Amino acid sequence: FFTGSEGGRCVSFNLTVEELLFFIRKLLEEKVMDVETLKSVFLFLSRHARTTGSESLSYESLRKKYSGVGNNAKNKVEALLARLAARAAHHET
């Protein structure tokens, strides 16, 4: 299913690692995404994803950074969620 590109990374996020991890945390908290353990999320990201500023992600780095999200990342994700909500409110079917 996920074969990756030449570098093996097939999913590219326009977020920093901190922003992505905080966004994922919100998805999990709101039950948008259902996983038994965070390990599966971290393994998937380490094998298939890249972010702004990080061409490759390590499992250990993701695990360590998951709980320590700074205010800048929180503010950027909050702004992203507000933009998504605005798009949803104006979506025409």
C-alpha atoms as a PDB file:
ATOM      1  CA  PHE A   1       0.000   0.000   0.000  1.00  0.00           C
ATOM      2  CA  PHE A   2       2.595   2.579   1.053  1.00  0.00           C
ATOM      3  CA  THR A   3       5.582   1.973  -1.138  1.00  0.00           C
ATOM      4  CA  GLY A   4       7.176   5.374  -0.694  1.00  0.00           C
ATOM      5  CA  SER A   5       9.158   7.477  -3.092  1.00  0.00           C
ATOM      6  CA  GLU A   6      12.822   7.094  -3.912  1.00  0.00           C
ATOM      7  CA  GLY A   7      13.654   8.089  -0.346  1.00  0.00           C
ATOM      8  CA  GLY A   8      10.993   5.776   1.046  1.00  0.00           C
ATOM      9  CA  ARG A   9       8.820   8.637   2.332  1.00  0.00           C
ATOM     10  CA  CYS A  10       5.442   8.784   0.631  1.00  0.00           C
ATOM     11  CA  VAL A  11       3.545  11.111   2.995  1.00  0.00           C
ATOM     12  CA  SER A  12       4.763  14.675   3.275  1.00  0.00           C
ATOM     13  CA  PHE A  13       3.303  17.018   5.886  1.00  0.00           C
ATOM     14  CA  ASN A  14       3.577  20.806   5.660  1.00  0.00           C
ATOM     15  CA  LEU A  15       3.911  20.913   9.424  1.00  0.00           C
ATOM     16  CA  THR A  16       6.881  20.675  11.736  1.00  0.00           C
ATOM     17  CA  VAL A  17       7.314  17.504  13.784  1.00  0.00           C
ATOM     18  CA  GLU A  18       5.949  19.261  16.881  1.00  0.00           C
ATOM     19  CA  GLU A  19       2.925  20.586  14.994  1.00  0.00           C
ATOM     20  CA  LEU A  20       2.203  17.182  13.468  1.00  0.00           C
ATOM     21  CA  LEU A  21       2.438  15.417  16.814  1.00  0.00           C
ATOM     22  CA  PHE A  22       0.153  17.945  18.481  1.00  0.00           C
ATOM     23  CA  PHE A  23      -2.340  17.648  15.612  1.00  0.00           C
ATOM     24  CA  ILE A  24      -2.289  13.861  15.949  1.00  0.00           C
ATOM     25  CA  ARG A  25      -2.812  14.182  19.692  1.00  0.00           C
ATOM     26  CA  LYS A  26      -5.953  16.248  19.039  1.00  0.00           C
ATOM     27  CA  LEU A  27      -7.215  13.678  16.507  1.00  0.00           C
ATOM     28  CA  LEU A  28      -6.772  10.933  19.095  1.00  0.00           C
ATOM     29  CA  GLU A  29      -8.375  12.934  21.899  1.00  0.00           C
ATOM     30  CA  GLU A  30     -11.422  13.670  19.738  1.00  0.00           C
ATOM     31  CA  LYS A  31     -11.559  10.034  18.602  1.00  0.00           C
ATOM     32  CA  VAL A  32     -11.179  11.001  14.948  1.00  0.00           C
ATOM     33  CA  MET A  33      -8.367   8.472  14.787  1.00  0.00           C
ATOM     34  CA  ASP A  34      -8.434   5.186  16.674  1.00  0.00           C
ATOM     35  CA  VAL A  35      -5.243   3.312  17.523  1.00  0.00           C
ATOM     36  CA  GLU A  36      -4.497   0.790  20.228  1.00  0.00           C
ATOM     37  CA  THR A  37      -1.066   2.234  20.968  1.00  0.00           C
ATOM     38  CA  LEU A  38       0.909   5.309  19.981  1.00  0.00           C
ATOM     39  CA  LYS A  39       3.681   2.963  18.903  1.00  0.00           C
ATOM     40  CA  SER A  40       1.810   2.136  15.684  1.00  0.00           C
ATOM     41  CA  VAL A  41       1.453   5.838  14.849  1.00  0.00           C
ATOM     42  CA  PHE A  42       5.130   6.537  15.538  1.00  0.00           C
ATOM     43  CA  LEU A  43       6.235   3.499  13.519  1.00  0.00           C
ATOM     44  CA  PHE A  44       4.063   4.526  10.564  1.00  0.00           C
ATOM     45  CA  LEU A  45       5.410   8.080  10.610  1.00  0.00           C
ATOM     46  CA  SER A  46       9.019   6.945  10.981  1.00  0.00           C
ATOM     47  CA  ARG A  47       8.684   4.614   7.995  1.00  0.00           C
ATOM     48  CA  HIS A  48       6.544   6.658   5.618  1.00  0.00           C
ATOM     49  CA  ALA A  49       6.462  10.360   6.491  1.00  0.00           C
ATOM     50  CA  ARG A  50       8.469  13.533   6.292  1.00  0.00           C
ATOM     51  CA  THR A  51       7.722  16.965   7.677  1.00  0.00           C
ATOM     52  CA  THR A  52       8.792  20.537   7.116  1.00  0.00           C
ATOM     53  CA  GLY A  53      12.406  20.533   8.183  1.00  0.00           C
ATOM     54  CA  SER A  54      12.716  16.758   8.709  1.00  0.00           C
ATOM     55  CA  GLU A  55      13.280  14.494   5.745  1.00  0.00           C
ATOM     56  CA  SER A  56      13.174  11.436   7.996  1.00  0.00           C
ATOM     57  CA  LEU A  57      11.612  10.844  11.391  1.00  0.00           C
ATOM     58  CA  SER A  58      12.886   8.426  13.996  1.00  0.00           C
ATOM     59  CA  TYR A  59      10.604   6.417  16.232  1.00  0.00           C
ATOM     60  CA  GLU A  60      12.501   7.467  19.368  1.00  0.00           C
ATOM     61  CA  SER A  61      12.459  11.132  18.442  1.00  0.00           C
ATOM     62  CA  LEU A  62       8.707  11.052  17.831  1.00  0.00           C
ATOM     63  CA  ARG A  63       8.106   9.231  21.103  1.00  0.00           C
ATOM     64  CA  LYS A  64      10.159  11.746  23.061  1.00  0.00           C
ATOM     65  CA  LYS A  65       8.627  14.819  21.387  1.00  0.00           C
ATOM     66  CA  TYR A  66       4.990  13.705  21.641  1.00  0.00           C
ATOM     67  CA  SER A  67       4.435  15.035  25.159  1.00  0.00           C
ATOM     68  CA  GLY A  68       6.600  18.129  24.997  1.00  0.00           C
ATOM     69  CA  VAL A  69       4.849  20.422  22.544  1.00  0.00           C
ATOM     70  CA  GLY A  70       5.640  24.127  22.775  1.00  0.00           C
ATOM     71  CA  ASN A  71       3.269  27.077  22.571  1.00  0.00           C
ATOM     72  CA  ASN A  72       4.351  27.992  19.035  1.00  0.00           C
ATOM     73  CA  ALA A  73       3.294  24.571  17.731  1.00  0.00           C
ATOM     74  CA  LYS A  74       0.023  24.740  19.681  1.00  0.00           C
ATOM     75  CA  ASN A  75      -0.755  28.175  18.239  1.00  0.00           C
ATOM     76  CA  LYS A  76      -0.026  27.064  14.675  1.00  0.00           C
ATOM     77  CA  VAL A  77      -2.226  23.977  15.023  1.00  0.00           C
ATOM     78  CA  GLU A  78      -4.989  26.078  16.583  1.00  0.00           C
ATOM     79  CA  ALA A  79      -4.825  28.414  13.565  1.00  0.00           C
ATOM     80  CA  LEU A  80      -4.881  25.418  11.208  1.00  0.00           C
ATOM     81  CA  LEU A  81      -7.954  23.998  12.930  1.00  0.00           C
ATOM     82  CA  ALA A  82      -9.680  27.380  12.733  1.00  0.00           C
ATOM     83  CA  ARG A  83      -8.996  27.521   8.978  1.00  0.00           C
ATOM     84  CA  LEU A  84     -10.346  23.984   8.569  1.00  0.00           C
ATOM     85  CA  ALA A  85     -13.479  24.879  10.545  1.00  0.00           C
ATOM     86  CA  ALA A  86     -14.008  27.973   8.403  1.00  0.00           C
ATOM     87  CA  ARG A  87     -13.664  25.887   5.236  1.00  0.00           C
ATOM     88  CA  ALA A  88     -16.172  23.355   6.559  1.00  0.00           C
ATOM     89  CA  ALA A  89     -18.650  26.126   7.441  1.00  0.00           C
ATOM     90  CA  HIS A  90     -18.474  27.517   3.916  1.00  0.00           C
ATOM     91  CA  HIS A  91     -18.466  24.191   2.092  1.00  0.00           C
ATOM     92  CA  GLU A  92     -21.194  23.815  -0.461  1.00  0.00           C
ATOM     93  CA  THR A  93     -22.539  20.410  -1.339  1.00  0.00           C
END
